[in-house]
Amino acid sequence: MLEHGGRLREASMTYGIPLADWLDLSTGLNPRGWPVPPLPAEDWQRLPEENDGLEEAARDYYGCASLLPVAGSQAAIQALPALRPACRVGILSPGYAEHALAWHRAGHGVIPLAPEGIDSALAELDVLLLIHPNNPTGHAFEPARLLAWHARLAARGGWLVVDEAYVDATPKLSLAASCPMPGLVVLRSLGKFFGLAGARVGFVLAEPALLEALRERLGPWAIAHPSRHVARLALQDADWQAATRERLMREAARLAGLLAARGLAPRGGCALFQWLRAPEAARIHEALARRGILARLFAEPASLRLGLPPDEADWIRLEQALKEITP
């Protein structure tokens, strides 16, 4: 299995720092997520059922009538490659590594692509898979360009798969409202913007036939009853969503400025994280960890992804740590 952010217990044992004393900036999650209320007892006592309002709330939120709830977008990431015969799949690199792993394990040819190489490579691809905005670089494309690539792929039976796990803070970048169209698959998640990673709720937006094939593969009760309840309420809370988008954009700019002030100007990022590409990334990661601050380290290219601190005390803590470890 691949490594991911959020491995706080492992860091606690490695550095001898109690779990409660860590500032975890490694996940890219909204650190002030949607406030979950107490749940009805029956949510824990009964199997989940459809017709509870979740699908309707998701259709309203995403502006798409053809969608399937899944146990986090990770469930779809692992299942989608089985729905196509062996083919050539171009994947933005660096990117969320689970995508490439899933398609490779299913017998497909995986071709890593830089953003500037996509257009020229498209004629040789059957599937183009993008994380948008990209994780960890934050790179984003104009939706019109994505739709032009989709049209070229779909004309010969190909797919454009867009993982929009980080798009909620910038909804104008999303292709959700363009679904369903032949050959367009959009993945969404409540883990990042809503800060509900533990609920394991995501959605696949695509043509009904593809969704039915995916539903058959995933089986019944994909999402637990309590998670369905929480997801429905979160998707319906438009006031919280609007306020959160404004806050995240302010805090993203603050984080970028804080890093730049220490000579660590980000090379990319989005509303939920900043991406620092530097030869000394491993040293910075280690120095922060020894101060109880966990960032996400990438080996290739050497880089760090830092998420947003949850409160003012932690902003001050991060700023102090950066002052101590930079010239």
Protein backbone atom coordinates (compact mmCIF):
# COMPACT_ATOMS: atom_id res chain seq x y z
CA MET A 1 0.00 0.00 0.00
CA LEU A 2 1.12 3.53 -0.73
CA GLU A 3 1.91 6.10 1.93
CA HIS A 4 -0.49 8.96 2.57
CA GLY A 5 -0.70 12.00 4.79
CA GLY A 6 -2.23 11.82 8.24
CA ARG A 7 -0.01 9.04 9.63
CA LEU A 8 0.09 10.78 12.96
CA ARG A 9 0.43 7.73 15.20
CA GLU A 10 3.49 6.59 13.25
CA ALA A 11 5.03 10.06 13.55
CA SER A 12 4.28 10.10 17.27
CA MET A 13 6.20 6.85 17.78
CA THR A 14 9.06 7.88 15.49
CA TYR A 15 9.74 11.23 17.15
CA GLY A 16 8.60 10.45 20.69
CA ILE A 17 6.06 13.27 20.72
CA PRO A 18 2.62 12.56 22.24
CA LEU A 19 -0.23 12.35 19.75
CA ALA A 20 -2.05 15.32 21.26
CA ASP A 21 0.98 17.59 20.81
CA TRP A 22 1.14 17.36 17.01
CA LEU A 23 0.06 19.92 14.44
CA ASP A 24 -0.93 17.82 11.43
CA LEU A 25 -0.56 19.73 8.16
CA SER A 26 0.01 16.60 6.09
CA THR A 27 -3.49 15.77 4.85
CA GLY A 28 -4.69 18.82 2.93
CA LEU A 29 -8.05 18.64 4.72
CA ASN A 30 -10.05 21.63 5.84
CA PRO A 31 -8.97 21.81 9.51
CA ARG A 32 -12.28 23.46 10.47
CA GLY A 33 -14.65 21.06 8.80
CA TRP A 34 -18.42 21.01 8.68
CA PRO A 35 -19.76 20.78 12.29
CA VAL A 36 -21.33 17.36 12.68
CA PRO A 37 -24.41 17.35 14.97
CA PRO A 38 -25.49 14.46 17.24
CA LEU A 39 -26.90 11.62 15.15
CA PRO A 40 -30.20 9.77 15.65
CA ALA A 41 -29.86 6.38 17.32
CA GLU A 42 -31.52 4.64 14.37
CA ASP A 43 -28.62 5.68 12.13
CA TRP A 44 -26.50 3.17 14.04
CA GLN A 45 -29.15 0.46 14.29
CA ARG A 46 -30.35 0.06 10.69
CA LEU A 47 -28.73 -0.72 7.39
CA PRO A 48 -28.47 2.30 5.09
CA GLU A 49 -31.27 2.84 2.58
CA GLU A 50 -31.64 4.97 -0.50
CA ASN A 51 -34.45 7.55 -0.74
CA ASP A 52 -33.13 9.28 2.39
CA GLY A 53 -32.44 12.52 0.56
CA LEU A 54 -28.69 12.07 0.04
CA GLU A 55 -28.82 11.64 -3.72
CA GLU A 56 -31.16 14.62 -4.08
CA ALA A 57 -28.87 16.82 -1.96
CA ALA A 58 -25.86 15.74 -4.04
CA ARG A 59 -27.67 16.42 -7.32
CA ASP A 60 -28.51 19.92 -6.16
CA TYR A 61 -24.97 20.59 -4.90
CA TYR A 62 -23.14 19.26 -7.96
CA GLY A 63 -25.69 20.36 -10.56
CA CYS A 64 -25.78 16.85 -11.99
CA ALA A 65 -28.65 14.35 -11.98
CA SER A 66 -26.58 11.25 -12.80
CA LEU A 67 -24.42 10.27 -9.85
CA LEU A 68 -23.56 7.38 -7.55
CA PRO A 69 -22.58 7.65 -3.86
CA VAL A 70 -19.43 5.67 -3.03
CA ALA A 71 -17.30 5.04 0.05
CA GLY A 72 -15.02 7.97 -0.64
CA SER A 73 -13.59 8.60 -4.09
CA GLN A 74 -10.95 5.98 -3.26
CA ALA A 75 -13.55 3.25 -3.83
CA ALA A 76 -14.13 4.50 -7.36
CA ILE A 77 -10.42 4.97 -8.00
CA GLN A 78 -9.87 1.27 -7.35
CA ALA A 79 -12.94 0.04 -9.23
CA LEU A 80 -12.99 2.15 -12.40
CA PRO A 81 -10.00 0.47 -14.12
CA ALA A 82 -11.89 -2.84 -14.15
CA LEU A 83 -14.61 -1.30 -16.34
CA ARG A 84 -12.34 -1.01 -19.40
CA PRO A 85 -10.24 -3.56 -21.30
CA ALA A 86 -6.49 -3.03 -21.20
CA CYS A 87 -5.68 0.36 -22.69
CA ARG A 88 -3.34 3.36 -22.55
CA VAL A 89 -3.93 5.72 -19.66
CA GLY A 90 -2.27 9.12 -19.36
CA ILE A 91 -2.06 10.42 -15.79
CA LEU A 92 -0.85 13.82 -14.63
CA SER A 93 2.45 13.47 -12.77
CA PRO A 94 3.27 14.13 -10.03
CA GLY A 95 -0.20 13.37 -8.77
CA TYR A 96 -2.23 11.32 -6.32
CA ALA A 97 -0.42 8.00 -6.72
CA GLU A 98 -3.41 5.73 -6.05
CA HIS A 99 -4.72 6.45 -9.55
CA ALA A 100 -1.64 5.18 -11.37
CA LEU A 101 -1.39 2.18 -9.04
CA ALA A 102 -5.01 1.14 -9.62
CA TRP A 103 -4.79 1.32 -13.42
CA HIS A 104 -1.42 -0.44 -13.44
CA ARG A 105 -2.69 -3.29 -11.26
CA ALA A 106 -5.65 -3.75 -13.61
CA GLY A 107 -3.29 -4.36 -16.52
CA HIS A 108 -3.41 -0.98 -18.25
CA GLY A 109 -0.44 0.90 -19.64
CA VAL A 110 0.14 3.98 -17.49
CA ILE A 111 1.85 7.00 -19.06
CA PRO A 112 2.93 9.83 -16.71
CA LEU A 113 2.34 13.27 -18.20
CA ALA A 114 3.38 16.80 -17.39
CA PRO A 115 0.68 19.43 -17.94
CA GLU A 116 2.40 20.82 -21.01
CA GLY A 117 2.66 17.35 -22.58
CA ILE A 118 -1.01 16.40 -22.47
CA ASP A 119 -2.16 17.95 -25.73
CA SER A 120 0.48 16.25 -27.87
CA ALA A 121 0.02 12.88 -26.12
CA LEU A 122 -3.77 12.77 -26.35
CA ALA A 123 -3.95 11.04 -29.74
CA GLU A 124 -2.14 8.01 -28.25
CA LEU A 125 -4.37 7.72 -25.17
CA ASP A 126 -7.60 5.88 -24.45
CA VAL A 127 -8.04 7.47 -21.02
CA LEU A 128 -6.79 10.78 -19.67
CA LEU A 129 -6.91 11.04 -15.88
CA LEU A 130 -6.45 14.37 -14.12
CA ILE A 131 -6.60 15.46 -10.49
CA HIS A 132 -8.08 18.95 -10.67
CA PRO A 133 -6.74 21.00 -8.99
CA ASN A 134 -3.80 18.64 -8.95
CA ASN A 135 -2.55 17.03 -5.76
CA PRO A 136 0.14 17.95 -4.74
CA THR A 137 1.04 20.71 -7.23
CA GLY A 138 -2.27 22.58 -7.29
CA HIS A 139 -2.11 22.87 -11.09
CA ALA A 140 -5.47 23.68 -12.69
CA PHE A 141 -6.79 23.94 -16.24
CA GLU A 142 -9.54 26.03 -17.79
CA PRO A 143 -12.74 23.92 -17.99
CA ALA A 144 -13.02 24.71 -21.70
CA ARG A 145 -9.66 23.07 -22.30
CA LEU A 146 -10.72 19.98 -20.35
CA LEU A 147 -13.93 19.73 -22.38
CA ALA A 148 -11.96 20.02 -25.62
CA TRP A 149 -9.74 17.12 -24.52
CA HIS A 150 -12.86 15.17 -23.52
CA ALA A 151 -14.40 15.69 -26.97
CA ARG A 152 -11.30 14.30 -28.68
CA LEU A 153 -11.26 11.24 -26.42
CA ALA A 154 -14.99 10.56 -26.50
CA ALA A 155 -15.06 10.68 -30.31
CA ARG A 156 -13.13 7.40 -30.31
CA GLY A 157 -14.62 5.78 -27.21
CA GLY A 158 -12.12 7.19 -24.76
CA TRP A 159 -12.60 8.61 -21.27
CA LEU A 160 -11.67 11.78 -19.47
CA VAL A 161 -11.59 11.01 -15.73
CA VAL A 162 -11.35 14.08 -13.49
CA ASP A 163 -10.73 13.70 -9.76
CA GLU A 164 -12.16 16.88 -8.25
CA ALA A 165 -11.38 16.13 -4.60
CA TYR A 166 -9.99 19.66 -4.09
CA VAL A 167 -12.30 21.68 -6.35
CA ASP A 168 -15.09 22.64 -3.91
CA ALA A 169 -13.46 25.91 -2.88
CA THR A 170 -13.21 26.93 -6.56
CA PRO A 171 -16.38 25.47 -8.12
CA LYS A 172 -15.96 27.34 -11.41
CA LEU A 173 -13.16 24.89 -12.24
CA SER A 174 -15.50 21.90 -11.96
CA LEU A 175 -16.92 19.80 -14.80
CA ALA A 176 -19.69 18.42 -12.59
CA ALA A 177 -22.44 20.39 -14.33
CA SER A 178 -21.27 19.04 -17.70
CA CYS A 179 -22.14 15.50 -16.63
CA PRO A 180 -23.48 13.19 -17.87
CA MET A 181 -21.71 12.99 -21.22
CA PRO A 182 -20.29 9.91 -22.96
CA GLY A 183 -16.73 9.35 -21.81
CA LEU A 184 -16.75 11.89 -18.96
CA VAL A 185 -16.25 10.65 -15.39
CA VAL A 186 -15.99 13.09 -12.49
CA LEU A 187 -15.04 12.03 -8.95
CA ARG A 188 -16.03 14.13 -5.94
CA SER A 189 -15.35 13.74 -2.22
CA LEU A 190 -16.55 15.20 1.07
CA GLY A 191 -13.18 14.55 2.68
CA LYS A 192 -11.24 17.71 1.77
CA PHE A 193 -13.40 20.87 1.65
CA PHE A 194 -15.98 19.56 4.11
CA GLY A 195 -13.29 18.04 6.35
CA LEU A 196 -15.26 14.79 6.61
CA ALA A 197 -12.59 12.29 5.56
CA GLY A 198 -13.61 9.88 8.32
CA ALA A 199 -17.15 9.62 6.96
CA ARG A 200 -15.81 8.04 3.73
CA VAL A 201 -18.31 9.64 1.35
CA GLY A 202 -17.73 10.43 -2.30
CA PHE A 203 -19.64 10.53 -5.57
CA VAL A 204 -19.09 9.44 -9.15
CA LEU A 205 -20.72 11.60 -11.81
CA ALA A 206 -21.08 9.84 -15.16
CA GLU A 207 -23.48 8.27 -17.64
CA PRO A 208 -26.13 6.00 -16.09
CA ALA A 209 -24.79 2.84 -17.77
CA LEU A 210 -21.31 3.36 -16.37
CA LEU A 211 -22.72 4.10 -12.93
CA GLU A 212 -24.78 0.92 -13.01
CA ALA A 213 -21.70 -1.14 -13.89
CA LEU A 214 -19.83 0.52 -11.03
CA ARG A 215 -22.72 -0.06 -8.62
CA GLU A 216 -22.73 -3.77 -9.47
CA ARG A 217 -19.01 -3.99 -8.84
CA LEU A 218 -19.12 -2.17 -5.49
CA GLY A 219 -22.12 -4.05 -4.10
CA PRO A 220 -24.80 -2.96 -1.61
CA TRP A 221 -24.50 -0.55 1.34
CA ALA A 222 -21.53 1.33 -0.05
CA ILE A 223 -21.92 4.11 2.54
CA ALA A 224 -22.78 3.62 6.22
CA HIS A 225 -26.07 5.03 7.49
CA PRO A 226 -24.48 7.67 9.79
CA SER A 227 -22.24 8.84 6.94
CA ARG A 228 -25.21 9.23 4.60
CA HIS A 229 -27.00 11.34 7.22
CA VAL A 230 -24.01 13.64 7.78
CA ALA A 231 -23.26 13.96 4.07
CA ARG A 232 -26.82 15.00 3.24
CA LEU A 233 -26.83 17.74 5.87
CA ALA A 234 -23.39 19.03 4.86
CA LEU A 235 -24.32 19.21 1.18
CA GLN A 236 -27.45 21.20 2.03
CA ASP A 237 -25.64 23.78 4.19
CA ALA A 238 -25.12 26.52 1.59
CA ASP A 239 -24.33 29.24 4.14
CA TRP A 240 -21.48 27.24 5.67
CA GLN A 241 -20.15 26.41 2.21
CA ALA A 242 -20.06 30.05 1.10
CA ALA A 243 -18.40 31.28 4.30
CA THR A 244 -15.87 28.44 4.15
CA ARG A 245 -14.86 29.21 0.56
CA GLU A 246 -14.07 32.79 1.53
CA ARG A 247 -12.13 31.74 4.63
CA LEU A 248 -10.08 29.10 2.82
CA MET A 249 -9.01 31.49 0.09
CA ARG A 250 -7.82 34.01 2.70
CA GLU A 251 -5.94 31.36 4.64
CA ALA A 252 -4.34 29.88 1.52
CA ALA A 253 -2.95 33.31 0.69
CA ARG A 254 -1.73 33.68 4.28
CA LEU A 255 0.10 30.34 4.15
CA ALA A 256 1.72 31.16 0.82
CA GLY A 257 2.87 34.51 2.22
CA LEU A 258 4.20 32.96 5.42
CA LEU A 259 6.31 30.45 3.44
CA ALA A 260 7.55 33.08 0.99
CA ALA A 261 8.66 35.31 3.87
CA ARG A 262 11.05 32.55 4.96
CA GLY A 263 12.49 32.08 1.47
CA LEU A 264 10.25 29.09 0.77
CA ALA A 265 7.93 30.49 -1.87
CA PRO A 266 5.44 27.80 -2.98
CA ARG A 267 5.61 26.48 -6.52
CA GLY A 268 1.90 25.71 -6.50
CA GLY A 269 -1.12 25.14 -4.33
CA CYS A 270 -4.85 25.58 -3.95
CA ALA A 271 -7.30 26.68 -1.27
CA LEU A 272 -6.38 23.79 1.04
CA PHE A 273 -2.61 23.42 0.71
CA GLN A 274 0.62 24.91 -0.61
CA TRP A 275 3.27 22.94 -2.49
CA LEU A 276 6.93 23.65 -1.81
CA ARG A 277 9.40 22.15 -4.28
CA ALA A 278 12.95 22.25 -2.94
CA PRO A 279 16.06 20.01 -2.88
CA GLU A 280 16.08 20.37 0.92
CA ALA A 281 12.46 19.17 1.30
CA ALA A 282 13.47 16.14 3.39
CA ARG A 283 15.51 18.31 5.76
CA ILE A 284 12.64 20.75 6.24
CA HIS A 285 10.22 17.87 6.81
CA GLU A 286 12.50 16.38 9.45
CA ALA A 287 13.06 19.73 11.18
CA LEU A 288 9.33 20.41 11.35
CA ALA A 289 8.60 16.90 12.61
CA ARG A 290 11.07 17.29 15.45
CA ARG A 291 8.96 20.29 16.48
CA GLY A 292 5.73 18.29 16.31
CA ILE A 293 4.57 19.61 12.94
CA LEU A 294 3.78 17.00 10.30
CA ALA A 295 4.00 17.96 6.62
CA ARG A 296 3.61 15.66 3.61
CA LEU A 297 6.94 14.73 2.06
CA PHE A 298 7.31 13.67 -1.60
CA ALA A 299 10.47 12.07 -2.92
CA GLU A 300 9.93 12.69 -6.64
CA PRO A 301 10.19 15.55 -7.16
CA ALA A 302 11.64 16.51 -3.78
CA SER A 303 8.84 18.59 -2.30
CA LEU A 304 6.52 19.24 0.63
CA ARG A 305 2.79 19.82 0.84
CA LEU A 306 1.57 21.85 3.80
CA GLY A 307 -2.07 22.24 4.75
CA LEU A 308 -3.74 25.00 6.75
CA PRO A 309 -3.34 25.38 10.54
CA PRO A 310 -6.69 25.16 12.38
CA ASP A 311 -6.42 28.21 14.65
CA GLU A 312 -4.36 31.30 15.42
CA ALA A 313 -2.19 29.56 18.02
CA ASP A 314 -1.15 27.00 15.43
CA TRP A 315 -0.46 29.67 12.81
CA ILE A 316 1.93 31.27 15.30
CA ARG A 317 3.46 27.88 16.08
CA LEU A 318 4.11 27.20 12.39
CA GLU A 319 5.59 30.65 11.85
CA GLN A 320 7.94 30.22 14.81
CA ALA A 321 9.04 26.80 13.62
CA LEU A 322 9.80 28.15 10.14
CA LYS A 323 11.87 30.96 11.65
CA GLU A 324 13.91 28.39 13.60
CA ILE A 325 14.66 26.12 10.63
CA THR A 326 15.36 28.71 7.89
CA PRO A 327 18.26 31.19 7.65
